[in-house]
Amino acid sequence: MDIKASSRVLLRIMNEEKTDVLRLPKKHASKVREKPTPADARRLIESQSLRDAIAAGLIVIVLFSIFWAMLSSLANRIFPWMTLLLGMLVGLAVRRAGRGLDWRFPVVAAVLAVAGSLAGNVVVAAAFTAPVLETSTLNVLRSLTAMTWPVFFAEVLTPADTVFALFAAAIAAFYANRRLKRTEVLALRNWHKHGNGSDAE
């Protein structure tokens, strides 16, 4: 075989190798994904925890109330829109800790957001009252009784605070449930369709 013939053979081999290499991504892209199984849905459902969701929401409320009171005291201003931020944080905490999939978790998040809004306003009001009474915020909170609550609702809690609390509840409910991938959605759909996965394959 002469040099020209050998060159032609080598070029043909190299072209074939390039073609095979270029085809590899197509083979991987066309690979069929495995179907979701009942076990996938069961893992999602069993990972839910209403208790963890409530605990995480309460922790966020306590920490946020302290931060809100400190910020308001330093700025010498009350920021009612902070309630909206509280609603988002509560919703995210419920989602992360609870890993919820059903209606219970948005309801819990909404209730916690309203309760947190009330608690935050109480702490902020106590922080502003403490310097007037020449005491600490904690002492003011300890002094709260059934007699002081009507005063708080009548003089401190405004209609704007109520509106912000309701919006915070809606935001918390929106963020509360876990965001699922497409395969996870299909797994849960098959799970419910076949009677909790008992007849699903």
N, C-alpha and C. Protein backbone atom coordinates (compact mmCIF):
# COMPACT_ATOMS: atom_id res chain seq x y z
N MET A 1 0.86 -1.20 0.00
CA MET A 1 0.00 0.00 0.00
C MET A 1 0.89 1.24 0.00
N ASP A 2 0.61 2.18 -0.89
CA ASP A 2 1.45 3.36 -0.97
C ASP A 2 1.06 4.37 0.09
N ILE A 3 1.79 5.47 0.11
CA ILE A 3 1.59 6.51 1.14
C ILE A 3 0.23 7.17 0.99
N LYS A 4 -0.22 7.44 -0.22
CA LYS A 4 -1.49 8.11 -0.44
C LYS A 4 -2.65 7.25 0.06
N ALA A 5 -2.58 5.97 -0.23
CA ALA A 5 -3.64 5.06 0.21
C ALA A 5 -3.69 4.97 1.73
N SER A 6 -2.50 4.93 2.33
CA SER A 6 -2.44 4.87 3.79
C SER A 6 -3.03 6.12 4.41
N SER A 7 -2.75 7.26 3.79
CA SER A 7 -3.28 8.52 4.30
C SER A 7 -4.80 8.54 4.23
N ARG A 8 -5.34 8.03 3.12
CA ARG A 8 -6.79 8.02 2.97
C ARG A 8 -7.44 7.13 4.03
N VAL A 9 -6.82 5.99 4.33
CA VAL A 9 -7.36 5.07 5.35
C VAL A 9 -7.33 5.74 6.72
N LEU A 10 -6.23 6.42 7.06
CA LEU A 10 -6.13 7.10 8.35
C LEU A 10 -7.16 8.21 8.48
N LEU A 11 -7.37 8.98 7.41
CA LEU A 11 -8.36 10.06 7.45
C LEU A 11 -9.76 9.51 7.66
N ARG A 12 -10.07 8.37 6.99
CA ARG A 12 -11.40 7.77 7.15
C ARG A 12 -11.62 7.29 8.57
N ILE A 13 -10.59 6.71 9.18
CA ILE A 13 -10.70 6.23 10.57
C ILE A 13 -10.91 7.40 11.53
N MET A 14 -10.15 8.49 11.33
CA MET A 14 -10.27 9.66 12.19
C MET A 14 -11.66 10.29 12.07
N ASN A 15 -12.20 10.36 10.86
CA ASN A 15 -13.54 10.92 10.66
C ASN A 15 -14.60 10.08 11.36
N GLU A 16 -14.44 8.75 11.31
CA GLU A 16 -15.39 7.87 11.98
C GLU A 16 -15.34 8.07 13.49
N GLU A 17 -14.12 8.24 14.06
CA GLU A 17 -13.98 8.45 15.49
C GLU A 17 -14.62 9.77 15.91
N LYS A 18 -14.44 10.84 15.10
CA LYS A 18 -15.05 12.13 15.40
C LYS A 18 -16.57 12.02 15.40
N THR A 19 -17.10 11.26 14.43
CA THR A 19 -18.55 11.10 14.35
C THR A 19 -19.09 10.38 15.58
N ASP A 20 -18.35 9.34 16.05
CA ASP A 20 -18.78 8.61 17.24
C ASP A 20 -18.76 9.50 18.48
N VAL A 21 -17.73 10.33 18.58
CA VAL A 21 -17.61 11.23 19.73
C VAL A 21 -18.75 12.23 19.75
N LEU A 22 -19.10 12.76 18.58
CA LEU A 22 -20.18 13.73 18.49
C LEU A 22 -21.53 13.10 18.78
N ARG A 23 -21.66 11.81 18.60
CA ARG A 23 -22.94 11.16 18.84
C ARG A 23 -23.17 10.86 20.32
N LEU A 24 -22.11 10.86 21.12
CA LEU A 24 -22.24 10.51 22.53
C LEU A 24 -23.24 11.38 23.28
N PRO A 25 -23.20 12.73 23.17
CA PRO A 25 -24.18 13.56 23.89
C PRO A 25 -25.61 13.25 23.50
N LYS A 26 -25.83 12.91 22.22
CA LYS A 26 -27.18 12.61 21.78
C LYS A 26 -27.69 11.34 22.46
N LYS A 27 -26.79 10.34 22.59
CA LYS A 27 -27.20 9.11 23.24
C LYS A 27 -27.58 9.37 24.69
N HIS A 28 -26.77 10.20 25.39
CA HIS A 28 -27.06 10.52 26.78
C HIS A 28 -28.33 11.35 26.89
N ALA A 29 -28.55 12.28 25.99
CA ALA A 29 -29.71 13.15 26.05
C ALA A 29 -30.99 12.37 25.80
N SER A 30 -30.90 11.33 24.97
CA SER A 30 -32.10 10.57 24.64
C SER A 30 -32.34 9.43 25.60
N LYS A 31 -31.50 9.31 26.61
CA LYS A 31 -31.66 8.23 27.59
C LYS A 31 -32.95 8.42 28.37
N VAL A 32 -33.76 7.40 28.46
CA VAL A 32 -35.05 7.48 29.12
C VAL A 32 -34.85 7.47 30.63
N ARG A 33 -35.48 8.41 31.34
CA ARG A 33 -35.39 8.45 32.78
C ARG A 33 -36.24 7.36 33.40
N GLU A 34 -35.81 6.93 34.57
CA GLU A 34 -36.57 5.91 35.28
C GLU A 34 -37.89 6.50 35.78
N LYS A 35 -38.93 5.67 35.77
CA LYS A 35 -40.23 6.12 36.23
C LYS A 35 -40.24 6.24 37.74
N PRO A 36 -41.00 7.22 38.27
CA PRO A 36 -41.11 7.32 39.73
C PRO A 36 -41.85 6.13 40.30
N THR A 37 -41.44 5.67 41.46
CA THR A 37 -42.02 4.50 42.08
C THR A 37 -42.81 4.88 43.33
N PRO A 38 -43.67 3.98 43.82
CA PRO A 38 -44.39 4.25 45.07
C PRO A 38 -43.45 4.53 46.24
N ALA A 39 -42.27 3.90 46.21
CA ALA A 39 -41.31 4.14 47.29
C ALA A 39 -40.86 5.60 47.33
N ASP A 40 -40.74 6.24 46.16
CA ASP A 40 -40.37 7.65 46.11
C ASP A 40 -41.44 8.51 46.78
N ALA A 41 -42.70 8.22 46.47
CA ALA A 41 -43.80 8.98 47.08
C ALA A 41 -43.88 8.71 48.57
N ARG A 42 -43.65 7.47 48.98
CA ARG A 42 -43.70 7.13 50.40
C ARG A 42 -42.63 7.89 51.17
N ARG A 43 -41.45 8.01 50.59
CA ARG A 43 -40.38 8.76 51.27
C ARG A 43 -40.75 10.22 51.44
N LEU A 44 -41.37 10.80 50.40
CA LEU A 44 -41.79 12.20 50.49
C LEU A 44 -42.82 12.41 51.59
N ILE A 45 -43.79 11.50 51.66
CA ILE A 45 -44.86 11.63 52.65
C ILE A 45 -44.33 11.41 54.06
N GLU A 46 -43.46 10.42 54.23
CA GLU A 46 -42.95 10.11 55.56
C GLU A 46 -41.96 11.16 56.06
N SER A 47 -41.42 11.96 55.16
CA SER A 47 -40.45 12.99 55.58
C SER A 47 -41.14 14.22 56.17
N GLN A 48 -42.48 14.29 56.04
CA GLN A 48 -43.21 15.44 56.59
C GLN A 48 -43.18 15.42 58.12
N SER A 49 -43.14 16.61 58.72
CA SER A 49 -43.15 16.71 60.18
C SER A 49 -43.83 18.01 60.59
N LEU A 50 -45.06 17.89 61.05
CA LEU A 50 -45.80 19.06 61.51
C LEU A 50 -45.19 19.63 62.78
N ARG A 51 -44.69 18.75 63.63
CA ARG A 51 -44.06 19.20 64.88
C ARG A 51 -42.82 20.05 64.61
N ASP A 52 -41.97 19.58 63.69
CA ASP A 52 -40.76 20.35 63.35
C ASP A 52 -41.12 21.68 62.71
N ALA A 53 -42.18 21.69 61.91
CA ALA A 53 -42.62 22.93 61.27
C ALA A 53 -43.04 23.96 62.31
N ILE A 54 -43.83 23.51 63.31
CA ILE A 54 -44.28 24.43 64.36
C ILE A 54 -43.10 24.92 65.19
N ALA A 55 -42.19 24.01 65.53
CA ALA A 55 -41.02 24.40 66.33
C ALA A 55 -40.17 25.42 65.59
N ALA A 56 -39.93 25.19 64.31
CA ALA A 56 -39.12 26.12 63.52
C ALA A 56 -39.80 27.48 63.41
N GLY A 57 -41.11 27.47 63.21
CA GLY A 57 -41.85 28.73 63.13
C GLY A 57 -41.79 29.53 64.42
N LEU A 58 -41.90 28.85 65.56
CA LEU A 58 -41.84 29.54 66.86
C LEU A 58 -40.45 30.12 67.11
N ILE A 59 -39.42 29.39 66.72
CA ILE A 59 -38.05 29.91 66.89
C ILE A 59 -37.85 31.17 66.06
N VAL A 60 -38.34 31.15 64.82
CA VAL A 60 -38.23 32.33 63.97
C VAL A 60 -38.97 33.51 64.58
N ILE A 61 -40.15 33.27 65.14
CA ILE A 61 -40.93 34.35 65.74
C ILE A 61 -40.18 34.98 66.91
N VAL A 62 -39.62 34.16 67.78
CA VAL A 62 -38.89 34.69 68.95
C VAL A 62 -37.69 35.52 68.51
N LEU A 63 -36.88 34.96 67.61
CA LEU A 63 -35.68 35.67 67.16
C LEU A 63 -36.04 36.94 66.41
N PHE A 64 -37.06 36.86 65.56
CA PHE A 64 -37.43 38.02 64.77
C PHE A 64 -38.01 39.12 65.65
N SER A 65 -38.79 38.74 66.68
CA SER A 65 -39.37 39.74 67.59
C SER A 65 -38.27 40.51 68.31
N ILE A 66 -37.23 39.79 68.74
CA ILE A 66 -36.10 40.46 69.41
C ILE A 66 -35.40 41.41 68.43
N PHE A 67 -35.14 40.92 67.21
CA PHE A 67 -34.48 41.76 66.21
C PHE A 67 -35.32 42.99 65.87
N TRP A 68 -36.63 42.80 65.73
CA TRP A 68 -37.54 43.89 65.40
C TRP A 68 -37.54 44.95 66.50
N ALA A 69 -37.57 44.50 67.76
CA ALA A 69 -37.57 45.45 68.88
C ALA A 69 -36.26 46.22 68.95
N MET A 70 -35.13 45.53 68.73
CA MET A 70 -33.83 46.20 68.77
C MET A 70 -33.70 47.22 67.64
N LEU A 71 -34.14 46.84 66.45
CA LEU A 71 -34.06 47.75 65.31
C LEU A 71 -34.94 48.98 65.52
N SER A 72 -36.14 48.76 66.03
CA SER A 72 -37.06 49.87 66.27
C SER A 72 -36.53 50.80 67.35
N SER A 73 -35.90 50.23 68.37
CA SER A 73 -35.34 51.06 69.45
C SER A 73 -34.17 51.90 68.95
N LEU A 74 -33.31 51.28 68.14
CA LEU A 74 -32.16 52.02 67.61
C LEU A 74 -32.59 53.12 66.65
N ALA A 75 -33.57 52.84 65.81
CA ALA A 75 -34.03 53.84 64.84
C ALA A 75 -35.08 54.79 65.42
N ASN A 76 -35.57 54.45 66.61
CA ASN A 76 -36.63 55.23 67.26
C ASN A 76 -37.86 55.34 66.36
N ARG A 77 -38.11 54.25 65.65
CA ARG A 77 -39.27 54.18 64.75
C ARG A 77 -39.83 52.78 64.76
N ILE A 78 -41.13 52.67 64.50
CA ILE A 78 -41.76 51.36 64.36
C ILE A 78 -41.96 51.07 62.88
N PHE A 79 -41.55 49.89 62.46
CA PHE A 79 -41.66 49.50 61.06
C PHE A 79 -42.73 48.42 60.92
N PRO A 80 -43.98 48.79 60.69
CA PRO A 80 -45.04 47.77 60.62
C PRO A 80 -44.88 46.81 59.45
N TRP A 81 -44.21 47.26 58.38
CA TRP A 81 -44.01 46.38 57.23
C TRP A 81 -43.08 45.21 57.54
N MET A 82 -42.40 45.27 58.67
CA MET A 82 -41.54 44.15 59.06
C MET A 82 -42.37 42.87 59.24
N THR A 83 -43.66 43.04 59.49
CA THR A 83 -44.54 41.88 59.62
C THR A 83 -44.54 41.05 58.34
N LEU A 84 -44.46 41.70 57.19
CA LEU A 84 -44.42 40.98 55.92
C LEU A 84 -43.17 40.12 55.82
N LEU A 85 -42.05 40.67 56.25
CA LEU A 85 -40.80 39.90 56.26
C LEU A 85 -40.91 38.71 57.21
N LEU A 86 -41.56 38.94 58.35
CA LEU A 86 -41.78 37.85 59.29
C LEU A 86 -42.60 36.73 58.65
N GLY A 87 -43.64 37.10 57.90
CA GLY A 87 -44.45 36.09 57.23
C GLY A 87 -43.64 35.24 56.27
N MET A 88 -42.77 35.87 55.50
CA MET A 88 -41.94 35.13 54.56
C MET A 88 -40.98 34.20 55.29
N LEU A 89 -40.35 34.68 56.36
CA LEU A 89 -39.40 33.86 57.11
C LEU A 89 -40.09 32.68 57.79
N VAL A 90 -41.29 32.92 58.32
CA VAL A 90 -42.04 31.83 58.94
C VAL A 90 -42.40 30.78 57.89
N GLY A 91 -42.86 31.23 56.73
CA GLY A 91 -43.19 30.29 55.66
C GLY A 91 -42.01 29.46 55.22
N LEU A 92 -40.86 30.10 55.07
CA LEU A 92 -39.66 29.37 54.66
C LEU A 92 -39.19 28.40 55.74
N ALA A 93 -39.33 28.80 57.00
CA ALA A 93 -38.95 27.92 58.11
C ALA A 93 -39.85 26.69 58.16
N VAL A 94 -41.15 26.91 57.97
CA VAL A 94 -42.10 25.79 57.96
C VAL A 94 -41.80 24.86 56.79
N ARG A 95 -41.46 25.43 55.63
CA ARG A 95 -41.13 24.60 54.47
C ARG A 95 -39.87 23.78 54.71
N ARG A 96 -38.84 24.43 55.24
CA ARG A 96 -37.56 23.75 55.41
C ARG A 96 -37.63 22.67 56.48
N ALA A 97 -38.26 22.98 57.61
CA ALA A 97 -38.29 22.02 58.72
C ALA A 97 -39.41 21.00 58.56
N GLY A 98 -40.57 21.44 58.06
CA GLY A 98 -41.72 20.55 57.97
C GLY A 98 -41.74 19.68 56.73
N ARG A 99 -41.15 20.17 55.63
CA ARG A 99 -41.14 19.44 54.36
C ARG A 99 -42.56 19.00 54.00
N GLY A 100 -43.51 19.94 54.17
CA GLY A 100 -44.92 19.62 54.02
C GLY A 100 -45.39 19.55 52.58
N LEU A 101 -46.43 18.74 52.38
CA LEU A 101 -46.99 18.54 51.05
C LEU A 101 -48.49 18.83 50.98
N ASP A 102 -49.15 18.95 52.13
CA ASP A 102 -50.60 19.11 52.13
C ASP A 102 -51.02 20.44 52.75
N TRP A 103 -52.32 20.59 52.96
CA TRP A 103 -52.92 21.86 53.39
C TRP A 103 -52.56 22.23 54.82
N ARG A 104 -52.15 21.27 55.64
CA ARG A 104 -51.89 21.56 57.04
C ARG A 104 -50.76 22.58 57.22
N PHE A 105 -49.76 22.49 56.40
CA PHE A 105 -48.58 23.32 56.58
C PHE A 105 -48.82 24.79 56.23
N PRO A 106 -49.53 25.10 55.14
CA PRO A 106 -49.90 26.51 54.92
C PRO A 106 -50.78 27.07 56.03
N VAL A 107 -51.69 26.25 56.56
CA VAL A 107 -52.55 26.72 57.66
C VAL A 107 -51.72 27.01 58.89
N VAL A 108 -50.81 26.11 59.23
CA VAL A 108 -49.93 26.31 60.39
C VAL A 108 -49.07 27.56 60.19
N ALA A 109 -48.54 27.73 58.99
CA ALA A 109 -47.69 28.90 58.72
C ALA A 109 -48.48 30.19 58.84
N ALA A 110 -49.72 30.20 58.35
CA ALA A 110 -50.55 31.40 58.43
C ALA A 110 -50.88 31.75 59.88
N VAL A 111 -51.24 30.73 60.66
CA VAL A 111 -51.56 30.97 62.08
C VAL A 111 -50.32 31.47 62.83
N LEU A 112 -49.18 30.86 62.55
CA LEU A 112 -47.94 31.30 63.21
C LEU A 112 -47.59 32.73 62.80
N ALA A 113 -47.83 33.09 61.55
CA ALA A 113 -47.52 34.45 61.10
C ALA A 113 -48.38 35.48 61.82
N VAL A 114 -49.67 35.17 61.99
CA VAL A 114 -50.54 36.10 62.72
C VAL A 114 -50.12 36.19 64.19
N ALA A 115 -49.85 35.03 64.79
CA ALA A 115 -49.40 35.03 66.19
C ALA A 115 -48.06 35.75 66.33
N GLY A 116 -47.17 35.54 65.37
CA GLY A 116 -45.88 36.21 65.41
C GLY A 116 -45.99 37.71 65.23
N SER A 117 -46.93 38.12 64.39
CA SER A 117 -47.17 39.56 64.22
C SER A 117 -47.63 40.19 65.52
N LEU A 118 -48.54 39.51 66.21
CA LEU A 118 -49.02 40.00 67.50
C LEU A 118 -47.89 40.03 68.53
N ALA A 119 -47.12 38.94 68.58
CA ALA A 119 -46.02 38.88 69.54
C ALA A 119 -44.97 39.95 69.25
N GLY A 120 -44.66 40.14 67.96
CA GLY A 120 -43.67 41.15 67.60
C GLY A 120 -44.11 42.55 67.98
N ASN A 121 -45.37 42.85 67.75
CA ASN A 121 -45.88 44.17 68.14
C ASN A 121 -45.86 44.37 69.65
N VAL A 122 -46.13 43.31 70.40
CA VAL A 122 -46.08 43.39 71.86
C VAL A 122 -44.65 43.69 72.32
N VAL A 123 -43.68 42.98 71.75
CA VAL A 123 -42.28 43.18 72.14
C VAL A 123 -41.82 44.59 71.77
N VAL A 124 -42.19 45.05 70.59
CA VAL A 124 -41.81 46.40 70.16
C VAL A 124 -42.43 47.45 71.08
N ALA A 125 -43.71 47.26 71.41
CA ALA A 125 -44.38 48.20 72.31
C ALA A 125 -43.71 48.20 73.68
N ALA A 126 -43.31 47.02 74.16
CA ALA A 126 -42.62 46.93 75.45
C ALA A 126 -41.26 47.62 75.39
N ALA A 127 -40.58 47.50 74.24
CA ALA A 127 -39.27 48.15 74.10
C ALA A 127 -39.39 49.66 74.14
N PHE A 128 -40.47 50.22 73.61
CA PHE A 128 -40.67 51.66 73.64
C PHE A 128 -41.19 52.12 75.01
N THR A 129 -41.86 51.24 75.71
CA THR A 129 -42.40 51.61 77.02
C THR A 129 -41.34 51.55 78.11
N ALA A 130 -40.38 50.67 77.96
CA ALA A 130 -39.37 50.45 79.01
C ALA A 130 -38.61 51.71 79.39
N PRO A 131 -38.11 52.53 78.45
CA PRO A 131 -37.39 53.75 78.86
C PRO A 131 -38.27 54.72 79.65
N VAL A 132 -39.54 54.78 79.32
CA VAL A 132 -40.45 55.69 80.04
C VAL A 132 -40.60 55.26 81.49
N LEU A 133 -40.66 53.95 81.71
CA LEU A 133 -40.81 53.42 83.07
C LEU A 133 -39.47 53.19 83.75
N GLU A 134 -38.38 53.50 83.02
CA GLU A 134 -37.02 53.32 83.56
C GLU A 134 -36.79 51.88 84.00
N THR A 135 -37.11 50.98 83.13
CA THR A 135 -36.91 49.57 83.39
C THR A 135 -36.50 48.89 82.09
N SER A 136 -36.40 47.59 82.11
CA SER A 136 -36.00 46.85 80.92
C SER A 136 -37.22 46.33 80.16
N THR A 137 -36.99 46.00 78.90
CA THR A 137 -38.07 45.45 78.09
C THR A 137 -38.58 44.14 78.68
N LEU A 138 -37.68 43.33 79.19
CA LEU A 138 -38.08 42.05 79.77
C LEU A 138 -38.99 42.25 80.97
N ASN A 139 -38.68 43.24 81.81
CA ASN A 139 -39.54 43.51 82.97
C ASN A 139 -40.93 43.98 82.55
N VAL A 140 -40.99 44.76 81.48
CA VAL A 140 -42.30 45.20 80.98
C VAL A 140 -43.10 44.00 80.49
N LEU A 141 -42.44 43.09 79.79
CA LEU A 141 -43.14 41.90 79.29
C LEU A 141 -43.60 41.02 80.46
N ARG A 142 -42.79 40.94 81.49
CA ARG A 142 -43.19 40.14 82.67
C ARG A 142 -44.38 40.77 83.39
N SER A 143 -44.54 42.06 83.25
CA SER A 143 -45.62 42.76 83.97
C SER A 143 -46.95 42.71 83.24
N LEU A 144 -46.95 42.12 82.05
CA LEU A 144 -48.21 42.05 81.29
C LEU A 144 -49.21 41.16 82.01
N THR A 145 -50.41 41.65 82.11
CA THR A 145 -51.50 40.90 82.75
C THR A 145 -52.74 40.96 81.88
N ALA A 146 -53.77 40.28 82.34
CA ALA A 146 -55.03 40.30 81.61
C ALA A 146 -55.63 41.69 81.54
N MET A 147 -55.24 42.56 82.49
CA MET A 147 -55.76 43.92 82.51
C MET A 147 -55.11 44.81 81.44
N THR A 148 -53.87 44.48 81.06
CA THR A 148 -53.15 45.33 80.11
C THR A 148 -53.43 44.98 78.65
N TRP A 149 -53.95 43.77 78.39
CA TRP A 149 -54.20 43.37 77.01
C TRP A 149 -55.23 44.24 76.32
N PRO A 150 -56.35 44.56 76.96
CA PRO A 150 -57.31 45.46 76.28
C PRO A 150 -56.71 46.81 75.93
N VAL A 151 -55.82 47.32 76.78
CA VAL A 151 -55.16 48.59 76.50
C VAL A 151 -54.27 48.47 75.26
N PHE A 152 -53.58 47.34 75.18
CA PHE A 152 -52.70 47.12 74.03
C PHE A 152 -53.51 47.10 72.73
N PHE A 153 -54.60 46.34 72.71
CA PHE A 153 -55.40 46.25 71.49
C PHE A 153 -56.08 47.57 71.15
N ALA A 154 -56.39 48.34 72.15
CA ALA A 154 -57.11 49.60 71.90
C ALA A 154 -56.18 50.73 71.49
N GLU A 155 -54.97 50.78 72.06
CA GLU A 155 -54.11 51.94 71.86
C GLU A 155 -52.86 51.67 71.03
N VAL A 156 -52.41 50.43 71.01
CA VAL A 156 -51.15 50.12 70.32
C VAL A 156 -51.38 49.47 68.97
N LEU A 157 -52.22 48.45 68.94
CA LEU A 157 -52.48 47.73 67.69
C LEU A 157 -53.41 48.54 66.80
N THR A 158 -52.93 48.93 65.64
CA THR A 158 -53.69 49.77 64.72
C THR A 158 -54.31 48.93 63.60
N PRO A 159 -55.27 49.48 62.87
CA PRO A 159 -55.81 48.75 61.71
C PRO A 159 -54.75 48.39 60.69
N ALA A 160 -53.75 49.24 60.54
CA ALA A 160 -52.66 48.93 59.60
C ALA A 160 -51.91 47.68 60.04
N ASP A 161 -51.70 47.52 61.34
CA ASP A 161 -51.03 46.32 61.85
C ASP A 161 -51.84 45.07 61.53
N THR A 162 -53.15 45.19 61.63
CA THR A 162 -54.02 44.05 61.31
C THR A 162 -53.93 43.69 59.84
N VAL A 163 -53.91 44.68 58.97
CA VAL A 163 -53.79 44.43 57.53
C VAL A 163 -52.45 43.78 57.22
N PHE A 164 -51.38 44.31 57.80
CA PHE A 164 -50.06 43.71 57.58
C PHE A 164 -50.02 42.28 58.09
N ALA A 165 -50.68 42.00 59.20
CA ALA A 165 -50.70 40.64 59.74
C ALA A 165 -51.41 39.68 58.80
N LEU A 166 -52.50 40.12 58.19
CA LEU A 166 -53.22 39.27 57.25
C LEU A 166 -52.40 39.01 55.99
N PHE A 167 -51.71 40.03 55.51
CA PHE A 167 -50.83 39.83 54.36
C PHE A 167 -49.67 38.90 54.72
N ALA A 168 -49.16 39.04 55.93
CA ALA A 168 -48.08 38.16 56.38
C ALA A 168 -48.55 36.71 56.42
N ALA A 169 -49.78 36.50 56.85
CA ALA A 169 -50.34 35.14 56.88
C ALA A 169 -50.42 34.56 55.47
N ALA A 170 -50.85 35.38 54.51
CA ALA A 170 -50.94 34.92 53.12
C ALA A 170 -49.55 34.58 52.56
N ILE A 171 -48.57 35.42 52.87
CA ILE A 171 -47.20 35.17 52.40
C ILE A 171 -46.65 33.89 53.02
N ALA A 172 -46.87 33.72 54.32
CA ALA A 172 -46.39 32.52 55.00
C ALA A 172 -47.01 31.26 54.41
N ALA A 173 -48.32 31.31 54.14
CA ALA A 173 -49.00 30.16 53.55
C ALA A 173 -48.45 29.84 52.16
N PHE A 174 -48.11 30.89 51.41
CA PHE A 174 -47.59 30.69 50.05
C PHE A 174 -46.24 29.96 50.06
N TYR A 175 -45.39 30.30 51.02
CA TYR A 175 -44.05 29.71 51.07
C TYR A 175 -43.99 28.41 51.87
N ALA A 176 -45.09 28.00 52.52
CA ALA A 176 -45.01 26.93 53.51
C ALA A 176 -44.76 25.55 52.92
N ASN A 177 -45.39 25.24 51.81
CA ASN A 177 -45.29 23.88 51.27
C ASN A 177 -43.99 23.67 50.50
N ARG A 178 -43.56 22.44 50.51
CA ARG A 178 -42.33 22.05 49.83
C ARG A 178 -42.48 22.17 48.32
N ARG A 179 -41.45 22.65 47.65
CA ARG A 179 -41.44 22.73 46.19
C ARG A 179 -40.87 21.42 45.63
N LEU A 180 -41.65 20.78 44.77
CA LEU A 180 -41.29 19.46 44.28
C LEU A 180 -40.75 19.50 42.85
N LYS A 181 -39.89 18.54 42.55
CA LYS A 181 -39.44 18.34 41.18
C LYS A 181 -40.53 17.61 40.40
N ARG A 182 -40.36 17.60 39.08
CA ARG A 182 -41.38 16.98 38.23
C ARG A 182 -41.54 15.50 38.55
N THR A 183 -40.45 14.80 38.75
CA THR A 183 -40.54 13.37 39.06
C THR A 183 -41.22 13.13 40.40
N GLU A 184 -41.01 14.03 41.37
CA GLU A 184 -41.66 13.90 42.66
C GLU A 184 -43.16 14.14 42.56
N VAL A 185 -43.55 15.11 41.73
CA VAL A 185 -44.97 15.36 41.51
C VAL A 185 -45.63 14.13 40.88
N LEU A 186 -44.97 13.53 39.91
CA LEU A 186 -45.52 12.33 39.26
C LEU A 186 -45.62 11.17 40.24
N ALA A 187 -44.63 11.04 41.10
CA ALA A 187 -44.66 9.97 42.10
C ALA A 187 -45.85 10.12 43.04
N LEU A 188 -46.08 11.34 43.52
CA LEU A 188 -47.22 11.57 44.41
C LEU A 188 -48.55 11.38 43.68
N ARG A 189 -48.60 11.80 42.43
CA ARG A 189 -49.84 11.65 41.65
C ARG A 189 -50.18 10.18 41.48
N ASN A 190 -49.17 9.37 41.16
CA ASN A 190 -49.40 7.93 41.01
C ASN A 190 -49.77 7.30 42.35
N TRP A 191 -49.17 7.81 43.42
CA TRP A 191 -49.44 7.30 44.76
C TRP A 191 -50.92 7.47 45.11
N HIS A 192 -51.45 8.65 44.88
CA HIS A 192 -52.86 8.92 45.18
C HIS A 192 -53.79 8.22 44.18
N LYS A 193 -53.35 8.13 42.96
CA LYS A 193 -54.20 7.53 41.90
C LYS A 193 -54.42 6.07 42.15
N HIS A 194 -53.40 5.37 42.65
CA HIS A 194 -53.48 3.92 42.84
C HIS A 194 -53.73 3.54 44.29
N GLY A 195 -54.34 4.42 45.04
CA GLY A 195 -54.68 4.06 46.41
C GLY A 195 -53.48 3.95 47.31
N ASN A 196 -52.78 5.07 47.48
CA ASN A 196 -51.57 5.12 48.31
C ASN A 196 -50.48 4.18 47.84
N GLY A 197 -50.49 3.95 46.52
CA GLY A 197 -49.39 3.19 45.93
C GLY A 197 -49.50 1.69 46.11
N SER A 198 -50.60 1.19 46.66
CA SER A 198 -50.70 -0.25 46.91
C SER A 198 -50.79 -1.06 45.62
N ASP A 199 -51.40 -0.44 44.59
CA ASP A 199 -51.54 -1.16 43.32
C ASP A 199 -50.61 -0.65 42.25
N ALA A 200 -49.80 0.37 42.60
CA ALA A 200 -48.92 0.98 41.59
C ALA A 200 -47.70 0.11 41.39
N GLU A 201 -47.19 0.14 40.20
CA GLU A 201 -45.96 -0.60 39.87
C GLU A 201 -44.84 0.39 39.61
